[in-house]
Amino acid sequence: MDVREQQKKHWNAVAGGWAAWFDWTTRNFRPVADWFRDAAGWKPGARILDVACGAGFPALAAATSVRPGGTIVAADISPEMLAVASSRARADGLDNIQFVEMDAEQLTFDDASFDAVTNAYGLMFCPDLPRAIGEARRVLRPGGRFALVTWDEPSKSPFFSVITAVAAPFLSLQTPAPGAPGPFRLSSVGQLESLLRDAGFSDVGVEGLPMMLELASASEYLRVFSDVAWKVRVATLPETDLTRFRDAIAEAARPYMVDGRLKLVATSLCASGRRS
């Protein structure tokens, strides 16, 4: 099974988890949506392409922002994720958004079709980064912007580092090889700047965006990661190991409990460039 098929299988398997946590994502990731609104020019009448839309973040927020007159095309390789996003759009009464199954490296749109292209936490999973970025630039109209968000290095995100340090031995988690697709593959400001400039973008900028993510408890912390990332691994743990795992997470999370809530920082890198 090649990388793309593996990714499709993975995202299909966890789509239900992303659906379950969509409201939590929308609430906690509002700073990212606000950044996209400014960087990508979500305004009435705009035509926006959101690549790797997943369960609908930030495509659904964009669809609201570009009304009246604006339209969103939301693309993803996972049909199950698209089904989740489409269902949510219908529930929210959004009739200006279209969902398409499509690979970021093979966009089937005409040149210069969109005012802006966005990609939230998806680019780092593309096997061929220059090709994916080149495709985003190709479908942009002159003057249009490509805006993308990736994760900064894990040391700047206790939301990830606290739980993964505990989970690694229990779940046999492996760190991806350098340069291989993975959540922290694009955690370098210089790398992001170079990729965008090499693709022909001008007015390139990259900035860090720390967010405080809030959870009700250490138990909820584990449920989030189980549902959106580690579903199969956690489900196959023997009950005794699962109990030990839960206890270890509760202990590791204790320093981050504030007024009865678990609060952990996650830091993104937000990058954008303009097609000349």
C-alpha atoms as a PDB file:
ATOM      1  CA  MET A   1       0.000   0.000   0.000  1.00  0.00           C
ATOM      2  CA  ASP A   2       1.519   3.350  -1.024  1.00  0.00           C
ATOM      3  CA  VAL A   3       1.640   6.433   1.186  1.00  0.00           C
ATOM      4  CA  ARG A   4      -1.508   7.994  -0.244  1.00  0.00           C
ATOM      5  CA  GLU A   5      -3.553   4.842   0.211  1.00  0.00           C
ATOM      6  CA  GLN A   6      -2.258   4.459   3.765  1.00  0.00           C
ATOM      7  CA  GLN A   7      -3.273   8.044   4.505  1.00  0.00           C
ATOM      8  CA  LYS A   8      -6.710   7.590   2.991  1.00  0.00           C
ATOM      9  CA  LYS A   9      -7.240   4.455   5.069  1.00  0.00           C
ATOM     10  CA  HIS A  10      -6.129   6.236   8.254  1.00  0.00           C
ATOM     11  CA  TRP A  11      -8.280   9.357   7.763  1.00  0.00           C
ATOM     12  CA  ASN A  12     -11.295   7.267   6.799  1.00  0.00           C
ATOM     13  CA  ALA A  13     -10.891   5.288  10.013  1.00  0.00           C
ATOM     14  CA  VAL A  14     -10.802   8.343  12.291  1.00  0.00           C
ATOM     15  CA  ALA A  15     -13.394  10.496  10.499  1.00  0.00           C
ATOM     16  CA  GLY A  16     -16.025   9.651  13.098  1.00  0.00           C
ATOM     17  CA  GLY A  17     -13.714  10.873  15.831  1.00  0.00           C
ATOM     18  CA  TRP A  18     -13.169  14.187  14.077  1.00  0.00           C
ATOM     19  CA  ALA A  19     -16.943  14.520  13.725  1.00  0.00           C
ATOM     20  CA  ALA A  20     -17.370  13.952  17.455  1.00  0.00           C
ATOM     21  CA  TRP A  21     -14.853  16.668  18.321  1.00  0.00           C
ATOM     22  CA  PHE A  22     -15.821  19.179  15.629  1.00  0.00           C
ATOM     23  CA  ASP A  23     -17.423  21.658  18.036  1.00  0.00           C
ATOM     24  CA  TRP A  24     -14.397  21.415  20.331  1.00  0.00           C
ATOM     25  CA  THR A  25     -12.092  22.028  17.370  1.00  0.00           C
ATOM     26  CA  THR A  26     -14.106  25.013  16.157  1.00  0.00           C
ATOM     27  CA  ARG A  27     -14.069  26.575  19.635  1.00  0.00           C
ATOM     28  CA  ASN A  28     -10.422  25.939  20.500  1.00  0.00           C
ATOM     29  CA  PHE A  29      -8.992  26.648  17.058  1.00  0.00           C
ATOM     30  CA  ARG A  30     -10.770  29.963  16.576  1.00  0.00           C
ATOM     31  CA  PRO A  31      -7.418  31.840  16.490  1.00  0.00           C
ATOM     32  CA  VAL A  32      -6.425  29.773  13.438  1.00  0.00           C
ATOM     33  CA  ALA A  33      -9.727  30.474  11.684  1.00  0.00           C
ATOM     34  CA  ASP A  34      -9.292  34.189  12.432  1.00  0.00           C
ATOM     35  CA  TRP A  35      -5.780  34.094  10.964  1.00  0.00           C
ATOM     36  CA  PHE A  36      -7.046  32.387   7.804  1.00  0.00           C
ATOM     37  CA  ARG A  37      -9.807  34.987   7.478  1.00  0.00           C
ATOM     38  CA  ASP A  38      -7.248  37.768   7.297  1.00  0.00           C
ATOM     39  CA  ALA A  39      -4.455  35.956   5.436  1.00  0.00           C
ATOM     40  CA  ALA A  40      -6.649  34.380   2.750  1.00  0.00           C
ATOM     41  CA  GLY A  41      -9.113  37.241   2.362  1.00  0.00           C
ATOM     42  CA  TRP A  42     -12.337  35.536   3.365  1.00  0.00           C
ATOM     43  CA  LYS A  43     -14.739  38.250   2.291  1.00  0.00           C
ATOM     44  CA  PRO A  44     -18.122  38.401   0.576  1.00  0.00           C
ATOM     45  CA  GLY A  45     -17.936  37.286  -3.045  1.00  0.00           C
ATOM     46  CA  ALA A  46     -14.593  35.475  -2.777  1.00  0.00           C
ATOM     47  CA  ARG A  47     -14.024  32.030  -4.297  1.00  0.00           C
ATOM     48  CA  ILE A  48     -11.874  29.919  -1.965  1.00  0.00           C
ATOM     49  CA  LEU A  49     -10.361  26.440  -2.254  1.00  0.00           C
ATOM     50  CA  ASP A  50      -9.704  24.638   1.039  1.00  0.00           C
ATOM     51  CA  VAL A  51      -7.345  21.701   0.492  1.00  0.00           C
ATOM     52  CA  ALA A  52      -7.217  18.820   3.012  1.00  0.00           C
ATOM     53  CA  CYS A  53     -10.490  20.025   4.492  1.00  0.00           C
ATOM     54  CA  GLY A  54     -10.936  16.999   6.754  1.00  0.00           C
ATOM     55  CA  ALA A  55     -14.106  17.225   8.827  1.00  0.00           C
ATOM     56  CA  GLY A  56     -14.689  20.799   7.681  1.00  0.00           C
ATOM     57  CA  PHE A  57     -12.186  23.041   9.463  1.00  0.00           C
ATOM     58  CA  PRO A  58     -11.714  25.756   8.326  1.00  0.00           C
ATOM     59  CA  ALA A  59     -13.889  25.309   5.206  1.00  0.00           C
ATOM     60  CA  LEU A  60     -17.187  25.751   7.039  1.00  0.00           C
ATOM     61  CA  ALA A  61     -15.983  28.932   8.729  1.00  0.00           C
ATOM     62  CA  ALA A  62     -14.861  30.214   5.336  1.00  0.00           C
ATOM     63  CA  ALA A  63     -18.261  29.466   3.805  1.00  0.00           C
ATOM     64  CA  THR A  64     -19.907  31.666   6.414  1.00  0.00           C
ATOM     65  CA  SER A  65     -17.389  34.474   5.920  1.00  0.00           C
ATOM     66  CA  VAL A  66     -17.664  34.745   2.121  1.00  0.00           C
ATOM     67  CA  ARG A  67     -21.444  35.169   2.081  1.00  0.00           C
ATOM     68  CA  PRO A  68     -23.145  36.759   0.289  1.00  0.00           C
ATOM     69  CA  GLY A  69     -21.914  35.822  -3.145  1.00  0.00           C
ATOM     70  CA  GLY A  70     -18.839  33.828  -2.206  1.00  0.00           C
ATOM     71  CA  THR A  71     -18.240  30.110  -2.674  1.00  0.00           C
ATOM     72  CA  ILE A  72     -16.002  27.460  -1.126  1.00  0.00           C
ATOM     73  CA  VAL A  73     -14.671  24.287  -2.683  1.00  0.00           C
ATOM     74  CA  ALA A  74     -13.467  21.854   0.005  1.00  0.00           C
ATOM     75  CA  ALA A  75     -11.183  19.005  -1.111  1.00  0.00           C
ATOM     76  CA  ASP A  76      -9.817  15.957   0.699  1.00  0.00           C
ATOM     77  CA  ILE A  77      -8.513  12.483  -0.142  1.00  0.00           C
ATOM     78  CA  SER A  78     -10.800  10.842   2.432  1.00  0.00           C
ATOM     79  CA  PRO A  79     -14.411  10.211   1.385  1.00  0.00           C
ATOM     80  CA  GLU A  80     -15.370   9.535   5.001  1.00  0.00           C
ATOM     81  CA  MET A  81     -14.009  12.916   6.099  1.00  0.00           C
ATOM     82  CA  LEU A  82     -15.861  14.583   3.235  1.00  0.00           C
ATOM     83  CA  ALA A  83     -19.082  12.875   4.321  1.00  0.00           C
ATOM     84  CA  VAL A  84     -18.625  14.277   7.831  1.00  0.00           C
ATOM     85  CA  ALA A  85     -17.940  17.771   6.535  1.00  0.00           C
ATOM     86  CA  SER A  86     -20.827  17.673   4.080  1.00  0.00           C
ATOM     87  CA  SER A  87     -23.254  16.524   6.772  1.00  0.00           C
ATOM     88  CA  ARG A  88     -22.138  19.338   9.051  1.00  0.00           C
ATOM     89  CA  ALA A  89     -22.503  21.906   6.268  1.00  0.00           C
ATOM     90  CA  ARG A  90     -26.081  20.788   5.639  1.00  0.00           C
ATOM     91  CA  ALA A  91     -26.861  20.949   9.344  1.00  0.00           C
ATOM     92  CA  ASP A  92     -25.472  24.493   9.464  1.00  0.00           C
ATOM     93  CA  GLY A  93     -27.467  25.557   6.414  1.00  0.00           C
ATOM     94  CA  LEU A  94     -24.396  26.288   4.285  1.00  0.00           C
ATOM     95  CA  ASP A  95     -25.378  26.058   0.631  1.00  0.00           C
ATOM     96  CA  ASN A  96     -22.319  27.814  -0.823  1.00  0.00           C
ATOM     97  CA  ILE A  97     -19.817  25.011  -0.278  1.00  0.00           C
ATOM     98  CA  GLN A  98     -18.949  22.074  -2.551  1.00  0.00           C
ATOM     99  CA  PHE A  99     -17.059  18.971  -1.417  1.00  0.00           C
ATOM    100  CA  VAL A 100     -14.780  17.023  -3.744  1.00  0.00           C
ATOM    101  CA  GLU A 101     -12.538  13.993  -3.284  1.00  0.00           C
ATOM    102  CA  MET A 102      -9.154  15.120  -4.549  1.00  0.00           C
ATOM    103  CA  ASP A 103      -5.419  14.789  -3.938  1.00  0.00           C
ATOM    104  CA  ALA A 104      -3.575  18.008  -3.044  1.00  0.00           C
ATOM    105  CA  GLU A 105      -0.871  17.057  -5.534  1.00  0.00           C
ATOM    106  CA  GLN A 106      -3.338  16.567  -8.411  1.00  0.00           C
ATOM    107  CA  LEU A 107      -5.926  19.333  -8.313  1.00  0.00           C
ATOM    108  CA  THR A 108      -8.342  18.989 -11.218  1.00  0.00           C
ATOM    109  CA  PHE A 109      -9.190  22.682 -11.496  1.00  0.00           C
ATOM    110  CA  ASP A 110      -8.341  25.125 -14.258  1.00  0.00           C
ATOM    111  CA  ASP A 111      -5.476  27.545 -13.811  1.00  0.00           C
ATOM    112  CA  ALA A 112      -6.329  30.770 -11.996  1.00  0.00           C
ATOM    113  CA  SER A 113      -9.659  29.478 -10.645  1.00  0.00           C
ATOM    114  CA  PHE A 114      -9.584  30.789  -7.052  1.00  0.00           C
ATOM    115  CA  ASP A 115      -9.029  34.002  -5.124  1.00  0.00           C
ATOM    116  CA  ALA A 116      -7.297  32.091  -2.330  1.00  0.00           C
ATOM    117  CA  VAL A 117      -6.214  28.571  -1.385  1.00  0.00           C
ATOM    118  CA  THR A 118      -6.037  27.383   2.224  1.00  0.00           C
ATOM    119  CA  ASN A 119      -4.562  24.281   3.835  1.00  0.00           C
ATOM    120  CA  ALA A 120      -4.902  23.631   7.577  1.00  0.00           C
ATOM    121  CA  TYR A 121      -2.603  20.939   8.987  1.00  0.00           C
ATOM    122  CA  GLY A 122      -2.618  18.934   5.764  1.00  0.00           C
ATOM    123  CA  LEU A 123       0.430  19.926   3.740  1.00  0.00           C
ATOM    124  CA  MET A 124       2.879  18.097   6.028  1.00  0.00           C
ATOM    125  CA  PHE A 125       1.252  14.793   5.046  1.00  0.00           C
ATOM    126  CA  CYS A 126       1.780  15.284   1.293  1.00  0.00           C
ATOM    127  CA  PRO A 127       4.532  13.011  -0.078  1.00  0.00           C
ATOM    128  CA  ASP A 128       5.632  15.611  -2.658  1.00  0.00           C
ATOM    129  CA  LEU A 129       5.631  19.034  -0.998  1.00  0.00           C
ATOM    130  CA  PRO A 130       6.796  21.108  -3.997  1.00  0.00           C
ATOM    131  CA  ARG A 131       4.146  19.526  -6.200  1.00  0.00           C
ATOM    132  CA  ALA A 132       1.345  20.223  -3.698  1.00  0.00           C
ATOM    133  CA  ILE A 133       2.455  23.830  -3.266  1.00  0.00           C
ATOM    134  CA  GLY A 134       2.857  24.226  -7.020  1.00  0.00           C
ATOM    135  CA  GLU A 135      -0.683  22.998  -7.579  1.00  0.00           C
ATOM    136  CA  ALA A 136      -1.998  25.509  -5.031  1.00  0.00           C
ATOM    137  CA  ARG A 137      -0.189  28.291  -6.888  1.00  0.00           C
ATOM    138  CA  ARG A 138      -1.396  27.101 -10.295  1.00  0.00           C
ATOM    139  CA  VAL A 139      -5.084  27.344  -9.406  1.00  0.00           C
ATOM    140  CA  LEU A 140      -4.691  30.796  -7.831  1.00  0.00           C
ATOM    141  CA  ARG A 141      -5.601  33.929  -9.697  1.00  0.00           C
ATOM    142  CA  PRO A 142      -2.819  36.527  -9.997  1.00  0.00           C
ATOM    143  CA  GLY A 143      -2.657  38.389  -6.704  1.00  0.00           C
ATOM    144  CA  GLY A 144      -4.347  35.532  -4.852  1.00  0.00           C
ATOM    145  CA  ARG A 145      -2.878  34.142  -1.651  1.00  0.00           C
ATOM    146  CA  PHE A 146      -1.990  30.656  -0.475  1.00  0.00           C
ATOM    147  CA  ALA A 147      -2.398  30.413   3.305  1.00  0.00           C
ATOM    148  CA  LEU A 148      -1.396  27.327   5.238  1.00  0.00           C
ATOM    149  CA  VAL A 149      -1.015  26.247   8.844  1.00  0.00           C
ATOM    150  CA  THR A 150       1.277  23.523  10.191  1.00  0.00           C
ATOM    151  CA  TRP A 151       2.431  22.520  13.668  1.00  0.00           C
ATOM    152  CA  ASP A 152       5.484  24.127  15.219  1.00  0.00           C
ATOM    153  CA  GLU A 153       8.049  21.884  16.892  1.00  0.00           C
ATOM    154  CA  PRO A 154       6.649  19.635  19.666  1.00  0.00           C
ATOM    155  CA  SER A 155       8.611  21.408  22.423  1.00  0.00           C
ATOM    156  CA  LYS A 156       6.383  24.448  21.841  1.00  0.00           C
ATOM    157  CA  SER A 157       3.202  22.391  22.161  1.00  0.00           C
ATOM    158  CA  PRO A 158       2.651  20.670  25.520  1.00  0.00           C
ATOM    159  CA  PHE A 159      -0.726  19.600  24.110  1.00  0.00           C
ATOM    160  CA  PHE A 160       1.241  17.082  22.046  1.00  0.00           C
ATOM    161  CA  SER A 161       4.436  16.516  24.005  1.00  0.00           C
ATOM    162  CA  VAL A 162       2.802  15.705  27.360  1.00  0.00           C
ATOM    163  CA  ILE A 163       0.581  12.904  26.106  1.00  0.00           C
ATOM    164  CA  THR A 164       2.893  11.470  23.443  1.00  0.00           C
ATOM    165  CA  ALA A 165       5.737  11.058  25.924  1.00  0.00           C
ATOM    166  CA  VAL A 166       3.401   8.856  27.969  1.00  0.00           C
ATOM    167  CA  ALA A 167       1.797   7.124  24.998  1.00  0.00           C
ATOM    168  CA  ALA A 168       4.955   6.178  23.088  1.00  0.00           C
ATOM    169  CA  PRO A 169       5.836   3.025  25.076  1.00  0.00           C
ATOM    170  CA  PHE A 170       2.215   1.948  25.564  1.00  0.00           C
ATOM    171  CA  LEU A 171       1.238   2.321  21.907  1.00  0.00           C
ATOM    172  CA  SER A 172       4.622   1.656  20.264  1.00  0.00           C
ATOM    173  CA  LEU A 173       4.561   5.059  18.606  1.00  0.00           C
ATOM    174  CA  GLN A 174       7.322   5.614  16.079  1.00  0.00           C
ATOM    175  CA  THR A 175       8.785   8.992  15.152  1.00  0.00           C
ATOM    176  CA  PRO A 176       8.618   9.478  11.361  1.00  0.00           C
ATOM    177  CA  ALA A 177      11.950   9.512   9.563  1.00  0.00           C
ATOM    178  CA  PRO A 178      13.310  12.997   8.840  1.00  0.00           C
ATOM    179  CA  GLY A 179      11.449  14.471   5.884  1.00  0.00           C
ATOM    180  CA  ALA A 180       8.748  11.787   5.907  1.00  0.00           C
ATOM    181  CA  PRO A 181       5.076  12.788   6.082  1.00  0.00           C
ATOM    182  CA  GLY A 182       4.062  13.516   9.661  1.00  0.00           C
ATOM    183  CA  PRO A 183       2.552  16.171  11.934  1.00  0.00           C
ATOM    184  CA  PHE A 184       5.822  17.990  12.695  1.00  0.00           C
ATOM    185  CA  ARG A 185       7.464  17.689   9.307  1.00  0.00           C
ATOM    186  CA  LEU A 186       7.057  21.418   8.566  1.00  0.00           C
ATOM    187  CA  SER A 187       7.977  22.830  11.968  1.00  0.00           C
ATOM    188  CA  SER A 188      10.706  25.111  10.596  1.00  0.00           C
ATOM    189  CA  VAL A 189      10.078  28.755   9.681  1.00  0.00           C
ATOM    190  CA  GLY A 190      12.990  28.723   7.241  1.00  0.00           C
ATOM    191  CA  GLN A 191      11.757  25.588   5.504  1.00  0.00           C
ATOM    192  CA  LEU A 192       8.274  27.011   5.011  1.00  0.00           C
ATOM    193  CA  GLU A 193       9.658  30.276   3.672  1.00  0.00           C
ATOM    194  CA  SER A 194      11.928  28.427   1.229  1.00  0.00           C
ATOM    195  CA  LEU A 195       9.171  26.129  -0.010  1.00  0.00           C
ATOM    196  CA  LEU A 196       6.866  29.038  -0.777  1.00  0.00           C
ATOM    197  CA  ARG A 197       9.558  31.180  -2.403  1.00  0.00           C
ATOM    198  CA  ASP A 198      10.872  28.263  -4.460  1.00  0.00           C
ATOM    199  CA  ALA A 199       7.325  27.711  -5.740  1.00  0.00           C
ATOM    200  CA  GLY A 200       7.229  31.276  -7.014  1.00  0.00           C
ATOM    201  CA  PHE A 201       5.259  32.994  -4.268  1.00  0.00           C
ATOM    202  CA  SER A 202       6.049  36.568  -3.281  1.00  0.00           C
ATOM    203  CA  ASP A 203       5.222  38.542  -0.122  1.00  0.00           C
ATOM    204  CA  VAL A 204       5.981  35.405   1.913  1.00  0.00           C
ATOM    205  CA  GLY A 205       5.448  35.507   5.662  1.00  0.00           C
ATOM    206  CA  VAL A 206       5.534  32.950   8.486  1.00  0.00           C
ATOM    207  CA  GLU A 207       4.445  33.554  12.084  1.00  0.00           C
ATOM    208  CA  GLY A 208       3.977  31.473  15.207  1.00  0.00           C
ATOM    209  CA  LEU A 209       0.515  31.223  16.719  1.00  0.00           C
ATOM    210  CA  PRO A 210       0.233  29.704  20.217  1.00  0.00           C
ATOM    211  CA  MET A 211      -3.257  28.641  21.324  1.00  0.00           C
ATOM    212  CA  MET A 212      -4.525  27.509  24.711  1.00  0.00           C
ATOM    213  CA  LEU A 213      -6.494  24.303  24.190  1.00  0.00           C
ATOM    214  CA  GLU A 214      -8.906  23.458  26.987  1.00  0.00           C
ATOM    215  CA  LEU A 215     -10.267  20.085  28.099  1.00  0.00           C
ATOM    216  CA  ALA A 216     -12.485  18.986  30.951  1.00  0.00           C
ATOM    217  CA  SER A 217     -10.061  16.386  32.308  1.00  0.00           C
ATOM    218  CA  ALA A 218      -7.128  14.084  31.627  1.00  0.00           C
ATOM    219  CA  SER A 219      -9.679  11.447  30.639  1.00  0.00           C
ATOM    220  CA  GLU A 220     -11.066  13.760  27.962  1.00  0.00           C
ATOM    221  CA  TYR A 221      -7.500  14.492  26.846  1.00  0.00           C
ATOM    222  CA  LEU A 222      -7.005  10.791  26.130  1.00  0.00           C
ATOM    223  CA  ARG A 223     -10.388  10.508  24.408  1.00  0.00           C
ATOM    224  CA  VAL A 224      -9.477  13.258  21.949  1.00  0.00           C
ATOM    225  CA  PHE A 225      -6.261  11.553  20.894  1.00  0.00           C
ATOM    226  CA  SER A 226      -7.892   8.126  20.868  1.00  0.00           C
ATOM    227  CA  ASP A 227     -10.707   9.330  18.631  1.00  0.00           C
ATOM    228  CA  VAL A 228      -8.737  11.428  16.135  1.00  0.00           C
ATOM    229  CA  ALA A 229      -5.370   9.633  15.958  1.00  0.00           C
ATOM    230  CA  TRP A 230      -4.836   6.432  17.969  1.00  0.00           C
ATOM    231  CA  LYS A 231      -8.202   4.687  17.676  1.00  0.00           C
ATOM    232  CA  VAL A 232      -6.959   1.220  16.713  1.00  0.00           C
ATOM    233  CA  ARG A 233      -3.902   1.277  18.964  1.00  0.00           C
ATOM    234  CA  VAL A 234      -5.854   2.242  22.077  1.00  0.00           C
ATOM    235  CA  ALA A 235      -8.663  -0.214  21.293  1.00  0.00           C
ATOM    236  CA  THR A 236      -6.225  -3.130  21.236  1.00  0.00           C
ATOM    237  CA  LEU A 237      -4.585  -2.380  24.600  1.00  0.00           C
ATOM    238  CA  PRO A 238      -5.223  -5.019  27.276  1.00  0.00           C
ATOM    239  CA  GLU A 239      -7.412  -3.665  30.082  1.00  0.00           C
ATOM    240  CA  THR A 240      -4.578  -3.677  32.619  1.00  0.00           C
ATOM    241  CA  ASP A 241      -2.341  -1.658  30.274  1.00  0.00           C
ATOM    242  CA  LEU A 242      -5.186   0.723  29.484  1.00  0.00           C
ATOM    243  CA  THR A 243      -5.665   1.425  33.190  1.00  0.00           C
ATOM    244  CA  ARG A 244      -1.949   2.085  33.623  1.00  0.00           C
ATOM    245  CA  PHE A 245      -1.981   4.290  30.538  1.00  0.00           C
ATOM    246  CA  ARG A 246      -4.876   6.381  31.863  1.00  0.00           C
ATOM    247  CA  ASP A 247      -3.224   6.760  35.252  1.00  0.00           C
ATOM    248  CA  ALA A 248       0.066   7.838  33.672  1.00  0.00           C
ATOM    249  CA  ILE A 249      -1.659  10.475  31.541  1.00  0.00           C
ATOM    250  CA  ALA A 250      -3.515  11.814  34.572  1.00  0.00           C
ATOM    251  CA  GLU A 251      -0.213  12.180  36.430  1.00  0.00           C
ATOM    252  CA  ALA A 252       1.554  13.848  33.494  1.00  0.00           C
ATOM    253  CA  ALA A 253      -1.338  16.255  32.964  1.00  0.00           C
ATOM    254  CA  ARG A 254      -1.627  17.266  36.634  1.00  0.00           C
ATOM    255  CA  PRO A 255       0.659  20.354  36.347  1.00  0.00           C
ATOM    256  CA  TYR A 256      -1.592  21.711  33.583  1.00  0.00           C
ATOM    257  CA  MET A 257      -4.838  21.604  35.570  1.00  0.00           C
ATOM    258  CA  VAL A 258      -6.102  25.151  36.173  1.00  0.00           C
ATOM    259  CA  ASP A 259      -9.316  25.779  38.118  1.00  0.00           C
ATOM    260  CA  GLY A 260     -10.472  22.234  37.482  1.00  0.00           C
ATOM    261  CA  ARG A 261      -9.806  22.360  33.725  1.00  0.00           C
ATOM    262  CA  LEU A 262      -6.901  20.986  31.699  1.00  0.00           C
ATOM    263  CA  LYS A 263      -5.192  23.750  29.696  1.00  0.00           C
ATOM    264  CA  LEU A 264      -2.336  23.032  27.315  1.00  0.00           C
ATOM    265  CA  VAL A 265      -0.653  25.220  24.712  1.00  0.00           C
ATOM    266  CA  ALA A 266      -0.382  24.124  21.070  1.00  0.00           C
ATOM    267  CA  THR A 267       1.673  26.280  18.717  1.00  0.00           C
ATOM    268  CA  SER A 268       1.101  26.526  14.982  1.00  0.00           C
ATOM    269  CA  LEU A 269       3.161  28.052  12.208  1.00  0.00           C
ATOM    270  CA  CYS A 270       1.041  30.165   9.876  1.00  0.00           C
ATOM    271  CA  ALA A 271       2.517  30.814   6.434  1.00  0.00           C
ATOM    272  CA  SER A 272       1.267  32.654   3.392  1.00  0.00           C
ATOM    273  CA  GLY A 273       2.437  33.883   0.014  1.00  0.00           C
ATOM    274  CA  ARG A 274       1.013  35.779  -2.938  1.00  0.00           C
ATOM    275  CA  ARG A 275       0.873  34.656  -6.544  1.00  0.00           C
ATOM    276  CA  SER A 276       2.399  37.459  -8.584  1.00  0.00           C
END
